């Protein structure tokens, strides 16, 4: 006989932020709808099939303006109604081993644990990149009301409200369909670098020629050698190069924006 407990819905809200995510959100929905009691999605103005896909799966869609990465994800977290919340981007989907680990954590319900980290892994060209950007452990499964989003856009971070609590660790991987081509990834990084630079300059960062010189090659070597991205083949080399490019753009834009800001005040 099949195990009824293995098919029961868990008291988990899957909280998603999305906009024009039809290319990836179907996988996110399919990977969660059978076991999560709720899917709640904050949509920032989709014009493609994103909302119909969500509604067909029984998700609750909340339409909202884009408030930035941190504030929009916080709003999605607050919209969740279940005792546990799994925060996902619209291009992320838990693999079966991770789902099993989530089920064990939630049903076990250890009162000492307010949240769990998991490992996110980029899926590119039909396979996982097992070394580039690895490991990438992130807090994503939390008790409702016990965590909040913080950070500097676009680098958001979910953290436990009680800093004395140590998160548990989930086994399995969170599949990240971040990009289909490295051209797409490089275009994304231009926007991310611009946003990050603007946030840092607003906080008083004036830029550094030394960081402009050293950060790009350091980022490249960290990925290629320390993370062993070369073991992912040519994709690993491009991942290291893309990381280096983002560091170069960020530090160049910090210098430019800071100088223009000073000139505007003179």
Protein backbone atom coordinates (compact mmCIF):
# COMPACT_ATOMS: atom_id res chain seq x y z
CA UNK A 1 0.00 0.00 0.00
CA UNK A 2 1.24 3.57 -0.69
CA UNK A 3 2.35 5.61 2.29
CA UNK A 4 -0.45 8.11 2.97
CA UNK A 5 1.90 10.29 5.02
CA UNK A 6 4.22 10.72 2.04
CA UNK A 7 1.43 12.31 -0.01
CA UNK A 8 -0.14 14.48 2.71
CA UNK A 9 0.05 18.25 2.33
CA UNK A 10 2.55 19.86 4.65
CA UNK A 11 1.73 23.00 6.69
CA UNK A 12 4.03 25.00 4.42
CA UNK A 13 3.44 28.18 2.42
CA UNK A 14 5.60 28.47 -0.69
CA UNK A 15 6.17 32.23 -1.02
CA UNK A 16 7.24 33.37 -4.50
CA UNK A 17 8.02 36.74 -6.07
CA UNK A 18 7.57 36.91 -9.81
CA UNK A 19 7.14 38.98 -12.96
CA UNK A 20 6.91 37.56 -16.47
CA UNK A 21 8.30 34.25 -15.22
CA UNK A 22 6.32 31.86 -17.43
CA UNK A 23 9.51 30.23 -18.73
CA UNK A 24 10.49 28.92 -15.28
CA UNK A 25 7.62 29.21 -12.82
CA UNK A 26 5.89 26.10 -14.15
CA UNK A 27 8.72 23.97 -12.77
CA UNK A 28 8.52 25.81 -9.43
CA UNK A 29 4.79 25.10 -9.23
CA UNK A 30 5.11 21.46 -10.27
CA UNK A 31 7.83 20.85 -7.70
CA UNK A 32 5.76 22.20 -4.78
CA UNK A 33 2.01 21.99 -5.45
CA UNK A 34 1.60 18.34 -4.46
CA UNK A 35 2.97 18.71 -0.93
CA UNK A 36 2.69 22.40 0.10
CA UNK A 37 -0.60 23.51 1.68
CA UNK A 38 -0.31 26.95 0.07
CA UNK A 39 1.43 28.69 -2.80
CA UNK A 40 1.32 32.47 -2.52
CA UNK A 41 2.88 34.58 -5.28
CA UNK A 42 3.56 38.31 -5.27
CA UNK A 43 3.39 39.39 -8.89
CA UNK A 44 4.82 42.74 -9.97
CA UNK A 45 2.95 43.19 -13.23
CA UNK A 46 3.26 40.06 -15.36
CA UNK A 47 1.95 40.31 -18.91
CA UNK A 48 2.81 36.76 -19.99
CA UNK A 49 1.33 33.44 -18.82
CA UNK A 50 2.74 33.66 -15.28
CA UNK A 51 -0.55 34.48 -13.53
CA UNK A 52 -2.67 31.93 -15.47
CA UNK A 53 -0.13 29.23 -14.60
CA UNK A 54 -0.29 30.16 -10.92
CA UNK A 55 -4.07 30.35 -10.83
CA UNK A 56 -4.45 27.01 -12.64
CA UNK A 57 -2.38 25.43 -9.85
CA UNK A 58 -4.58 26.98 -7.16
CA UNK A 59 -2.00 29.54 -6.04
CA UNK A 60 -3.02 32.76 -4.32
CA UNK A 61 -1.76 35.68 -6.42
CA UNK A 62 -1.13 39.04 -4.79
CA UNK A 63 -0.59 41.88 -7.25
CA UNK A 64 1.90 44.47 -6.05
CA UNK A 65 4.30 47.09 -7.31
CA UNK A 66 7.98 46.18 -7.33
CA UNK A 67 9.49 47.41 -4.05
CA UNK A 68 13.00 46.11 -4.59
CA UNK A 69 14.32 42.65 -3.86
CA UNK A 70 14.39 42.88 -0.07
CA UNK A 71 11.06 44.64 0.50
CA UNK A 72 9.12 42.59 -2.07
CA UNK A 73 10.37 39.30 -0.65
CA UNK A 74 9.53 40.49 2.84
CA UNK A 75 6.01 41.29 1.68
CA UNK A 76 5.69 37.78 0.22
CA UNK A 77 6.93 36.29 3.49
CA UNK A 78 4.31 38.27 5.42
CA UNK A 79 1.55 37.11 3.04
CA UNK A 80 2.14 33.45 3.95
CA UNK A 81 -0.51 31.86 6.17
CA UNK A 82 1.01 28.47 7.08
CA UNK A 83 3.21 27.71 10.14
CA UNK A 84 6.23 27.15 7.88
CA UNK A 85 7.32 29.22 4.88
CA UNK A 86 9.57 28.18 1.99
CA UNK A 87 10.74 31.33 0.18
CA UNK A 88 11.53 30.77 -3.49
CA UNK A 89 12.38 32.81 -6.54
CA UNK A 90 10.35 32.07 -9.65
CA UNK A 91 13.31 30.26 -11.24
CA UNK A 92 13.95 27.92 -8.31
CA UNK A 93 12.53 24.43 -7.74
CA UNK A 94 13.35 21.85 -5.06
CA UNK A 95 14.72 18.54 -6.24
CA UNK A 96 13.10 15.32 -4.87
CA UNK A 97 15.81 14.76 -2.24
CA UNK A 98 15.28 18.29 -0.94
CA UNK A 99 11.50 17.78 -0.82
CA UNK A 100 12.04 14.66 1.28
CA UNK A 101 14.31 16.62 3.60
CA UNK A 102 11.73 19.42 3.92
CA UNK A 103 9.04 16.86 4.75
CA UNK A 104 11.23 15.36 7.47
CA UNK A 105 12.03 18.75 9.00
CA UNK A 106 8.43 19.98 9.04
CA UNK A 107 6.89 16.76 10.34
CA UNK A 108 9.66 16.43 12.92
CA UNK A 109 8.92 20.02 14.03
CA UNK A 110 11.93 20.39 16.31
CA UNK A 111 10.95 23.27 18.64
CA UNK A 112 14.60 24.28 18.97
CA UNK A 113 14.90 25.12 15.25
CA UNK A 114 13.34 28.23 13.66
CA UNK A 115 14.67 27.67 10.16
CA UNK A 116 16.70 25.53 7.79
CA UNK A 117 19.32 26.24 5.17
CA UNK A 118 19.48 24.48 1.83
CA UNK A 119 21.92 24.39 -1.05
CA UNK A 120 21.06 26.20 -4.27
CA UNK A 121 22.72 24.94 -7.44
CA UNK A 122 22.64 26.44 -10.94
CA UNK A 123 21.19 24.23 -13.67
CA UNK A 124 22.57 25.13 -17.08
CA UNK A 125 22.57 23.49 -20.50
CA UNK A 126 20.86 20.33 -19.25
CA UNK A 127 22.99 19.70 -16.18
CA UNK A 128 23.91 21.05 -12.76
CA UNK A 129 27.06 23.07 -12.22
CA UNK A 130 28.44 21.13 -9.27
CA UNK A 131 31.38 23.43 -8.56
CA UNK A 132 30.81 26.98 -9.85
CA UNK A 133 29.23 29.14 -7.14
CA UNK A 134 29.21 26.13 -4.80
CA UNK A 135 28.32 25.58 -2.06
CA UNK A 136 25.55 28.18 -1.96
CA UNK A 137 23.69 27.50 1.27
CA UNK A 138 20.79 29.85 2.01
CA UNK A 139 18.19 30.07 4.72
CA UNK A 140 14.88 29.46 2.95
CA UNK A 141 12.61 27.26 5.11
CA UNK A 142 11.55 29.15 8.25
CA UNK A 143 8.85 29.22 10.86
CA UNK A 144 6.29 31.90 10.08
CA UNK A 145 7.15 35.07 12.00
CA UNK A 146 10.63 33.91 12.98
CA UNK A 147 12.65 35.38 10.09
CA UNK A 148 12.89 38.48 7.92
CA UNK A 149 14.59 39.63 4.74
CA UNK A 150 17.50 42.07 4.83
CA UNK A 151 20.50 43.05 2.71
CA UNK A 152 21.48 45.48 -0.02
CA UNK A 153 19.56 45.10 -3.28
CA UNK A 154 19.95 42.92 -5.25
CA UNK A 155 21.77 40.80 -2.63
CA UNK A 156 18.89 39.92 -0.33
CA UNK A 157 19.27 37.58 2.64
CA UNK A 158 16.71 35.78 4.78
CA UNK A 159 17.85 35.73 8.44
CA UNK A 160 16.39 34.47 11.69
CA UNK A 161 15.01 37.15 14.01
CA UNK A 162 16.56 35.43 17.03
CA UNK A 163 20.33 35.49 16.34
CA UNK A 164 20.96 32.95 19.08
CA UNK A 165 19.14 30.27 17.09
CA UNK A 166 21.28 28.12 14.78
CA UNK A 167 19.53 27.04 11.55
CA UNK A 168 19.26 23.37 10.73
CA UNK A 169 20.53 21.97 7.43
CA UNK A 170 18.45 20.34 4.71
CA UNK A 171 19.85 17.72 2.36
CA UNK A 172 19.24 17.88 -1.38
CA UNK A 173 19.49 20.72 -3.87
CA UNK A 174 17.38 23.68 -4.91
CA UNK A 175 17.55 23.80 -8.70
CA UNK A 176 18.26 27.32 -9.98
CA UNK A 177 17.35 27.95 -13.62
CA UNK A 178 19.01 31.34 -13.47
CA UNK A 179 19.80 31.72 -17.18
CA UNK A 180 19.65 29.83 -20.46
CA UNK A 181 22.74 31.43 -22.04
CA UNK A 182 25.73 33.26 -20.63
CA UNK A 183 24.77 36.21 -22.82
CA UNK A 184 21.57 36.43 -20.77
CA UNK A 185 23.58 36.11 -17.53
CA UNK A 186 25.94 38.90 -18.54
CA UNK A 187 23.01 41.20 -19.37
CA UNK A 188 21.48 40.49 -15.97
CA UNK A 189 24.74 41.29 -14.25
CA UNK A 190 24.85 44.76 -15.79
CA UNK A 191 21.58 45.57 -14.03
CA UNK A 192 22.65 43.92 -10.78
CA UNK A 193 25.98 45.77 -10.76
CA UNK A 194 24.26 49.11 -11.41
CA UNK A 195 21.74 48.49 -8.62
CA UNK A 196 24.39 47.34 -6.14
CA UNK A 197 26.67 50.27 -6.94
CA UNK A 198 23.84 52.76 -6.47
CA UNK A 199 22.94 51.25 -3.09
CA UNK A 200 26.56 51.33 -1.90
CA UNK A 201 27.17 54.91 -3.04
CA UNK A 202 23.98 55.98 -1.27
CA UNK A 203 25.46 54.44 1.89
CA UNK A 204 28.67 56.44 1.52
CA UNK A 205 30.95 54.16 -0.50
CA UNK A 206 33.31 56.34 -2.59
CA UNK A 207 34.89 53.55 -4.57
CA UNK A 208 38.47 52.35 -4.72
CA UNK A 209 40.90 51.99 -7.60
CA UNK A 210 42.59 49.19 -5.67
CA UNK A 211 39.33 47.22 -5.51
CA UNK A 212 38.76 47.95 -9.19
CA UNK A 213 42.18 46.44 -9.91
CA UNK A 214 42.10 43.44 -7.59
CA UNK A 215 38.47 42.35 -7.22
CA UNK A 216 37.86 41.08 -10.80
CA UNK A 217 40.88 38.73 -10.97
CA UNK A 218 40.29 37.65 -7.37
CA UNK A 219 36.67 36.78 -8.18
CA UNK A 220 37.77 34.84 -11.27
CA UNK A 221 40.43 32.83 -9.44
CA UNK A 222 38.15 32.15 -6.47
CA UNK A 223 35.57 30.52 -8.72
CA UNK A 224 37.97 28.77 -11.07
CA UNK A 225 40.53 27.48 -8.55
CA UNK A 226 39.12 27.57 -5.02
CA UNK A 227 35.60 26.52 -6.04
CA UNK A 228 37.08 24.26 -8.77
CA UNK A 229 34.70 25.59 -11.41
CA UNK A 230 37.06 24.24 -14.05
CA UNK A 231 35.65 20.80 -13.20
CA UNK A 232 32.34 21.95 -14.71
CA UNK A 233 34.09 22.21 -18.09
CA UNK A 234 33.73 25.22 -20.36
CA UNK A 235 30.61 26.35 -18.47
CA UNK A 236 32.68 26.58 -15.30
CA UNK A 237 35.22 28.82 -17.01
CA UNK A 238 32.42 31.10 -18.24
CA UNK A 239 30.86 31.16 -14.77
CA UNK A 240 34.17 32.35 -13.34
CA UNK A 241 34.48 34.97 -16.09
CA UNK A 242 30.93 36.21 -15.48
CA UNK A 243 31.63 36.57 -11.76
CA UNK A 244 34.75 38.55 -12.56
CA UNK A 245 32.82 40.80 -14.93
CA UNK A 246 30.22 41.61 -12.30
CA UNK A 247 32.95 42.61 -9.84
CA UNK A 248 34.56 44.83 -12.48
CA UNK A 249 31.28 46.57 -13.35
CA UNK A 250 30.28 47.08 -9.73
CA UNK A 251 33.52 48.76 -8.70
CA UNK A 252 33.73 50.84 -11.89
CA UNK A 253 30.18 52.09 -11.38
CA UNK A 254 30.79 52.90 -7.72
CA UNK A 255 33.67 55.17 -8.75
CA UNK A 256 31.64 56.82 -11.51
CA UNK A 257 28.53 57.39 -9.40
CA UNK A 258 30.50 58.66 -6.43
CA UNK A 259 32.45 61.13 -8.58
CA UNK A 260 29.29 62.37 -10.29
CA UNK A 261 27.65 62.77 -6.91
CA UNK A 262 30.53 64.87 -5.62
CA UNK A 263 30.54 66.96 -8.80
CA UNK A 264 26.82 67.60 -8.41
CA UNK A 265 27.33 68.94 -4.90
CA UNK A 266 30.07 71.36 -5.98
